[in-house]
Amino acid sequence: MKTIHAFTYLITLFILSSCAYNKQFLKPTKYTSATKQIIVNKTKTDSLIVKYNGTAFQPTFLKSNLDTLSQNFVIESVIFKNEKGIDLNGWMIQSKKASNITKTILHFHGNTGSLLGQYSAMKPLLEKDVQIFVFDYSGFGFSDGEATRANLLTDGVAAIKYLKTRPEVKNTKLILYGQSYGGHLAICVASKTVQDYDLLVAEGAFSNHKDLSAFGASPFFGFMSRIFVKEIYSGTKMIKKVTQPVLIIHSTDDKVIPFKMGEKLFNNANQPKYFLKVMGVHLEAPKNNLEEVFNAMENLLKEKNKY
């Protein structure tokens, strides 16, 4: 009898833990309309100050002495809506040196923080002929709504629809580029919008939520998590519906999302596809492998017409 009670208690505890885990996939940093200034990278000798102005929360970057920080790109902050009428905040980032923009990158960031902490991962690509749109999901940053996995899928579709209305995007190739959690999300969004973009890139992405929940757990708890964690949408399944070119990027040194998950996604993807294997920590391919990343994108865009 004691054994039965102990087992029942263990299962109940695990179910409660799984419910909590389902809610912990997303860990947003939320701002309000009252947020006028944020200090980032604060140290004893220096810091970066970001001030926000207007209803679109236009950012201005300042040094610790309040001088404006000189950057080689400009940001236009915008507000757009998802199909539920929720206001979402995004930044269109363009290089000051760019003269012939041929590609637009829609960035899907990771599961934590906000675009303020996430956009830097894409900055190296501004050296190429691209413009980059980064946005915050519902409940992240200045975006309204609640951060749920269902809402994020809706937000991703809305971001594509919004970009398609912008005149500077219409004559460019649209590339969906997701990193980590955003890589998995970009795959699932791509499966629902197959005619609205030209290339899908997933860097450091996990294969599905069940695989992610089991990663690093003991065999027993890994098995149980696969039972109780909800798979609202699965990258492994939905990538099979993607008919546009697919670039999977994953580091063999990745300690956050194991390399084998990138391989699993790639094996389920349709042609044309390419697996770019890199080295280094999680999500640093644009920084450390810029030419390889850009060349892989270029080649896949050329391959698109062969299929």
Protein backbone atom coordinates (compact mmCIF):
# COMPACT_ATOMS: atom_id res chain seq x y z
CA MET A 1 0.00 0.00 0.00
CA LYS A 2 2.83 2.38 0.87
CA THR A 3 4.41 1.60 -2.49
CA ILE A 4 1.16 2.48 -4.31
CA HIS A 5 0.82 5.74 -2.38
CA ALA A 6 4.43 6.63 -3.07
CA PHE A 7 4.02 5.95 -6.80
CA THR A 8 0.78 7.94 -6.92
CA TYR A 9 2.50 10.84 -5.18
CA LEU A 10 5.41 10.67 -7.62
CA ILE A 11 3.12 10.71 -10.65
CA THR A 12 1.08 13.60 -9.22
CA LEU A 13 4.25 15.54 -8.52
CA PHE A 14 5.51 14.89 -12.02
CA ILE A 15 2.23 16.00 -13.63
CA LEU A 16 2.34 19.24 -11.67
CA SER A 17 5.98 19.72 -12.66
CA SER A 18 5.12 19.08 -16.30
CA CYS A 19 2.34 21.67 -16.19
CA ALA A 20 4.83 24.13 -14.76
CA TYR A 21 7.36 23.17 -17.42
CA ASN A 22 4.85 23.76 -20.21
CA LYS A 23 4.59 27.34 -18.97
CA GLN A 24 8.35 27.77 -18.71
CA PHE A 25 9.20 27.37 -22.40
CA LEU A 26 8.83 31.15 -22.69
CA LYS A 27 10.58 33.61 -20.36
CA PRO A 28 9.89 37.12 -21.68
CA THR A 29 11.11 40.46 -20.42
CA LYS A 30 8.11 42.80 -20.49
CA TYR A 31 8.12 46.59 -20.79
CA THR A 32 5.20 48.99 -20.50
CA SER A 33 4.36 52.32 -22.11
CA ALA A 34 5.80 53.92 -18.97
CA THR A 35 9.25 52.50 -19.78
CA LYS A 36 11.25 55.44 -21.11
CA GLN A 37 14.81 54.30 -20.49
CA ILE A 38 16.76 51.06 -20.04
CA ILE A 39 20.38 50.67 -18.99
CA VAL A 40 22.11 47.68 -20.55
CA ASN A 41 25.63 46.26 -20.29
CA LYS A 42 26.16 48.20 -17.08
CA THR A 43 29.66 48.02 -15.61
CA LYS A 44 31.67 50.07 -13.11
CA THR A 45 33.27 52.07 -15.91
CA ASP A 46 30.70 52.12 -18.69
CA SER A 47 27.12 51.35 -19.71
CA LEU A 48 24.74 51.66 -22.64
CA ILE A 49 21.52 53.61 -22.23
CA VAL A 50 18.51 53.11 -24.48
CA LYS A 51 15.84 55.80 -24.45
CA TYR A 52 12.40 55.25 -26.00
CA ASN A 53 10.27 57.93 -27.62
CA GLY A 54 6.76 58.13 -29.06
CA THR A 55 3.96 55.62 -29.44
CA ALA A 56 6.18 53.30 -31.52
CA PHE A 57 8.93 53.30 -28.85
CA GLN A 58 11.66 54.58 -31.15
CA PRO A 59 15.01 53.74 -29.51
CA THR A 60 17.95 56.10 -29.12
CA PHE A 61 21.24 54.60 -27.98
CA LEU A 62 23.39 56.70 -25.66
CA LYS A 63 26.79 56.28 -24.08
CA SER A 64 27.17 56.55 -20.31
CA ASN A 65 28.08 60.25 -20.73
CA LEU A 66 24.75 60.66 -22.61
CA ASP A 67 26.40 61.24 -25.98
CA THR A 68 24.55 59.54 -28.83
CA LEU A 69 26.17 56.25 -29.79
CA SER A 70 27.35 56.24 -33.40
CA GLN A 71 26.27 53.09 -35.23
CA ASN A 72 26.55 51.92 -38.83
CA PHE A 73 22.83 51.21 -39.09
CA VAL A 74 19.50 52.92 -38.51
CA ILE A 75 16.43 51.56 -36.72
CA GLU A 76 12.80 52.31 -37.44
CA SER A 77 10.57 51.08 -34.62
CA VAL A 78 7.01 50.19 -35.65
CA ILE A 79 3.79 48.82 -34.19
CA PHE A 80 1.80 46.24 -36.17
CA LYS A 81 -1.08 43.94 -35.25
CA ASN A 82 -1.61 40.19 -35.28
CA GLU A 83 -4.91 38.67 -36.37
CA LYS A 84 -6.24 38.98 -32.81
CA GLY A 85 -5.71 42.74 -32.90
CA ILE A 86 -2.76 42.60 -30.47
CA ASP A 87 -0.12 45.32 -30.95
CA LEU A 88 3.36 43.98 -31.64
CA ASN A 89 6.60 45.95 -31.67
CA GLY A 90 9.24 45.49 -34.35
CA TRP A 91 12.41 47.15 -35.64
CA MET A 92 13.36 47.55 -39.28
CA ILE A 93 17.16 47.74 -39.30
CA GLN A 94 19.06 49.01 -42.33
CA SER A 95 22.76 49.59 -42.85
CA LYS A 96 23.83 53.16 -43.55
CA LYS A 97 26.22 51.81 -46.19
CA ALA A 98 23.67 49.69 -48.05
CA SER A 99 22.95 50.86 -51.58
CA ASN A 100 21.27 47.84 -53.17
CA ILE A 101 19.11 45.85 -50.76
CA THR A 102 18.13 42.54 -52.37
CA LYS A 103 17.15 40.53 -49.28
CA THR A 104 14.96 41.07 -46.23
CA ILE A 105 15.57 38.92 -43.18
CA LEU A 106 12.70 38.36 -40.77
CA HIS A 107 14.30 37.36 -37.47
CA PHE A 108 12.62 35.06 -34.96
CA HIS A 109 14.48 35.46 -31.68
CA GLY A 110 14.85 33.08 -28.75
CA ASN A 111 12.54 32.34 -25.83
CA THR A 112 13.92 34.86 -23.33
CA GLY A 113 14.28 38.61 -22.90
CA SER A 114 13.20 40.90 -25.72
CA LEU A 115 14.42 42.10 -29.09
CA LEU A 116 16.69 44.61 -27.33
CA GLY A 117 18.87 41.78 -26.09
CA GLN A 118 18.37 39.53 -29.12
CA TYR A 119 18.82 41.71 -32.21
CA SER A 120 22.61 41.89 -31.91
CA ALA A 121 22.92 38.29 -33.08
CA MET A 122 21.79 39.44 -36.53
CA LYS A 123 23.93 42.58 -36.82
CA PRO A 124 26.85 40.92 -38.65
CA LEU A 125 24.56 40.20 -41.60
CA LEU A 126 24.13 43.95 -42.14
CA GLU A 127 27.51 43.86 -43.85
CA LYS A 128 25.73 42.17 -46.74
CA ASP A 129 22.96 43.37 -49.05
CA VAL A 130 20.21 42.77 -46.50
CA GLN A 131 17.79 44.63 -44.28
CA ILE A 132 16.62 42.97 -41.08
CA PHE A 133 13.26 43.06 -39.35
CA VAL A 134 13.26 41.91 -35.72
CA PHE A 135 10.12 41.82 -33.60
CA ASP A 136 8.89 40.89 -30.16
CA TYR A 137 6.28 38.22 -29.70
CA SER A 138 3.14 38.78 -27.63
CA GLY A 139 4.09 39.52 -24.04
CA PHE A 140 7.72 40.32 -24.90
CA GLY A 141 9.22 43.82 -24.72
CA PHE A 142 6.70 46.46 -25.77
CA SER A 143 4.41 43.94 -27.49
CA ASP A 144 1.00 43.54 -25.88
CA GLY A 145 -0.76 40.27 -25.15
CA GLU A 146 0.32 37.09 -23.42
CA ALA A 147 3.41 35.03 -24.19
CA THR A 148 2.00 31.64 -25.14
CA ARG A 149 3.16 29.17 -27.75
CA ALA A 150 -0.13 29.51 -29.63
CA ASN A 151 0.19 33.30 -29.71
CA LEU A 152 3.78 33.13 -30.96
CA LEU A 153 2.68 31.13 -33.99
CA THR A 154 0.03 33.76 -34.74
CA ASP A 155 2.60 36.52 -34.28
CA GLY A 156 5.02 34.96 -36.74
CA VAL A 157 2.39 34.78 -39.47
CA ALA A 158 1.42 38.40 -38.72
CA ALA A 159 5.02 39.56 -39.05
CA ILE A 160 5.25 38.07 -42.54
CA LYS A 161 1.98 39.67 -43.59
CA TYR A 162 3.10 43.03 -42.25
CA LEU A 163 6.44 42.90 -44.04
CA LYS A 164 4.75 42.07 -47.33
CA THR A 165 2.97 45.45 -47.12
CA ARG A 166 6.18 47.47 -46.86
CA PRO A 167 7.34 48.95 -50.21
CA GLU A 168 11.05 48.41 -49.49
CA VAL A 169 10.40 44.68 -49.01
CA LYS A 170 8.32 43.97 -52.12
CA ASN A 171 11.24 43.63 -54.54
CA THR A 172 13.51 41.68 -52.20
CA LYS A 173 13.88 38.01 -51.32
CA LEU A 174 12.24 37.34 -47.95
CA ILE A 175 14.26 35.08 -45.65
CA LEU A 176 12.86 33.67 -42.40
CA TYR A 177 15.80 33.33 -39.99
CA GLY A 178 15.06 31.79 -36.59
CA GLN A 179 17.48 31.15 -33.76
CA SER A 180 17.09 28.60 -30.95
CA TYR A 181 13.43 28.68 -29.87
CA GLY A 182 12.85 31.08 -32.75
CA GLY A 183 14.38 28.54 -35.13
CA HIS A 184 11.74 25.99 -34.18
CA LEU A 185 9.05 28.67 -34.37
CA ALA A 186 10.23 29.86 -37.80
CA ILE A 187 9.90 26.31 -39.12
CA CYS A 188 6.32 26.06 -37.90
CA VAL A 189 5.41 29.51 -39.24
CA ALA A 190 7.05 28.62 -42.56
CA SER A 191 4.87 25.52 -42.90
CA LYS A 192 1.77 27.73 -42.75
CA THR A 193 2.98 30.43 -45.15
CA VAL A 194 4.81 28.46 -47.84
CA GLN A 195 4.17 30.94 -50.66
CA ASP A 196 5.04 34.09 -48.71
CA TYR A 197 8.83 33.80 -48.38
CA ASP A 198 11.84 32.54 -50.31
CA LEU A 199 14.13 30.79 -47.81
CA LEU A 200 13.93 29.31 -44.31
CA VAL A 201 16.96 29.37 -42.00
CA ALA A 202 16.96 27.67 -38.59
CA GLU A 203 20.04 28.09 -36.40
CA GLY A 204 20.51 26.13 -33.18
CA ALA A 205 16.87 25.00 -33.31
CA PHE A 206 15.37 22.14 -31.33
CA SER A 207 13.41 19.37 -33.04
CA ASN A 208 10.21 19.53 -30.96
CA HIS A 209 9.06 20.40 -27.44
CA LYS A 210 9.02 16.80 -26.24
CA ASP A 211 12.63 16.28 -27.31
CA LEU A 212 13.60 19.54 -25.63
CA SER A 213 11.84 18.65 -22.36
CA ALA A 214 13.58 15.26 -22.24
CA PHE A 215 17.04 16.65 -23.02
CA GLY A 216 19.35 16.32 -20.02
CA ALA A 217 16.77 14.46 -17.92
CA SER A 218 17.19 10.97 -16.48
CA PRO A 219 15.73 8.13 -18.59
CA PHE A 220 12.63 7.91 -16.34
CA PHE A 221 11.87 11.61 -16.19
CA GLY A 222 12.75 12.00 -19.86
CA PHE A 223 10.21 9.31 -20.72
CA MET A 224 7.54 10.85 -18.49
CA SER A 225 8.12 14.34 -19.84
CA ARG A 226 7.41 13.10 -23.36
CA ILE A 227 4.04 11.90 -22.10
CA PHE A 228 2.97 15.01 -20.24
CA VAL A 229 4.54 17.91 -22.15
CA LYS A 230 2.12 19.27 -24.73
CA GLU A 231 3.31 19.33 -28.32
CA ILE A 232 1.29 22.27 -29.63
CA TYR A 233 3.34 22.30 -32.82
CA SER A 234 6.32 20.19 -33.78
CA GLY A 235 9.19 21.34 -35.96
CA THR A 236 10.02 17.74 -36.85
CA LYS A 237 6.55 17.25 -38.33
CA MET A 238 5.92 20.71 -39.73
CA ILE A 239 9.24 21.00 -41.59
CA LYS A 240 7.95 18.24 -43.86
CA LYS A 241 5.35 20.72 -45.13
CA VAL A 242 7.96 23.34 -46.04
CA THR A 243 8.46 23.46 -49.80
CA GLN A 244 10.82 26.43 -49.94
CA PRO A 245 14.61 25.97 -49.55
CA VAL A 246 15.79 25.14 -46.03
CA LEU A 247 19.11 25.97 -44.37
CA ILE A 248 19.82 24.27 -41.05
CA ILE A 249 22.75 25.70 -39.06
CA HIS A 250 23.99 23.99 -35.92
CA SER A 251 27.20 23.99 -33.91
CA THR A 252 28.81 20.71 -32.95
CA ASP A 253 29.77 22.45 -29.68
CA ASP A 254 26.22 23.58 -28.83
CA LYS A 255 25.49 22.85 -25.15
CA VAL A 256 22.03 24.48 -25.16
CA ILE A 257 20.40 22.59 -28.03
CA PRO A 258 22.19 19.33 -28.97
CA PHE A 259 23.59 18.94 -32.45
CA LYS A 260 21.52 15.80 -33.06
CA MET A 261 18.33 17.89 -32.95
CA GLY A 262 19.59 19.94 -35.87
CA GLU A 263 20.33 16.72 -37.73
CA LYS A 264 16.82 15.44 -36.98
CA LEU A 265 15.26 18.58 -38.46
CA PHE A 266 17.47 18.37 -41.53
CA ASN A 267 16.62 14.71 -42.14
CA ASN A 268 12.91 15.57 -42.15
CA ALA A 269 13.26 18.58 -44.47
CA ASN A 270 12.54 18.52 -48.19
CA GLN A 271 14.94 19.46 -50.96
CA PRO A 272 16.45 21.87 -51.66
CA LYS A 273 18.19 21.90 -48.29
CA TYR A 274 21.65 22.36 -46.81
CA PHE A 275 23.14 21.58 -43.41
CA LEU A 276 25.80 24.07 -42.32
CA LYS A 277 27.84 22.50 -39.54
CA VAL A 278 29.78 25.08 -37.52
CA MET A 279 31.81 25.21 -34.32
CA GLY A 280 31.47 27.45 -31.28
CA VAL A 281 28.82 28.27 -28.72
CA HIS A 282 25.07 28.53 -29.26
CA LEU A 283 23.92 31.03 -31.94
CA GLU A 284 27.15 32.64 -33.10
CA ALA A 285 27.19 31.57 -36.75
CA PRO A 286 26.52 35.08 -38.17
CA LYS A 287 29.36 36.40 -36.02
CA ASN A 288 31.91 33.63 -36.56
CA ASN A 289 30.87 32.20 -39.94
CA LEU A 290 29.39 35.17 -41.79
CA GLU A 291 30.66 34.25 -45.26
CA GLU A 292 29.62 30.61 -44.93
CA VAL A 293 26.15 31.57 -43.74
CA PHE A 294 25.64 34.16 -46.47
CA ASN A 295 27.01 31.92 -49.23
CA ALA A 296 24.75 29.07 -48.12
CA MET A 297 21.74 31.37 -48.29
CA GLU A 298 22.75 32.64 -51.72
CA ASN A 299 23.24 29.14 -53.09
CA LEU A 300 19.89 27.91 -51.78
CA LEU A 301 18.09 30.88 -53.30
CA LYS A 302 19.64 29.93 -56.64
CA GLU A 303 18.68 26.28 -56.14
CA LYS A 304 15.06 27.24 -55.51
CA ASN A 305 14.25 27.49 -59.20
CA LYS A 306 15.48 23.94 -59.88
CA TYR A 307 12.76 22.30 -57.83
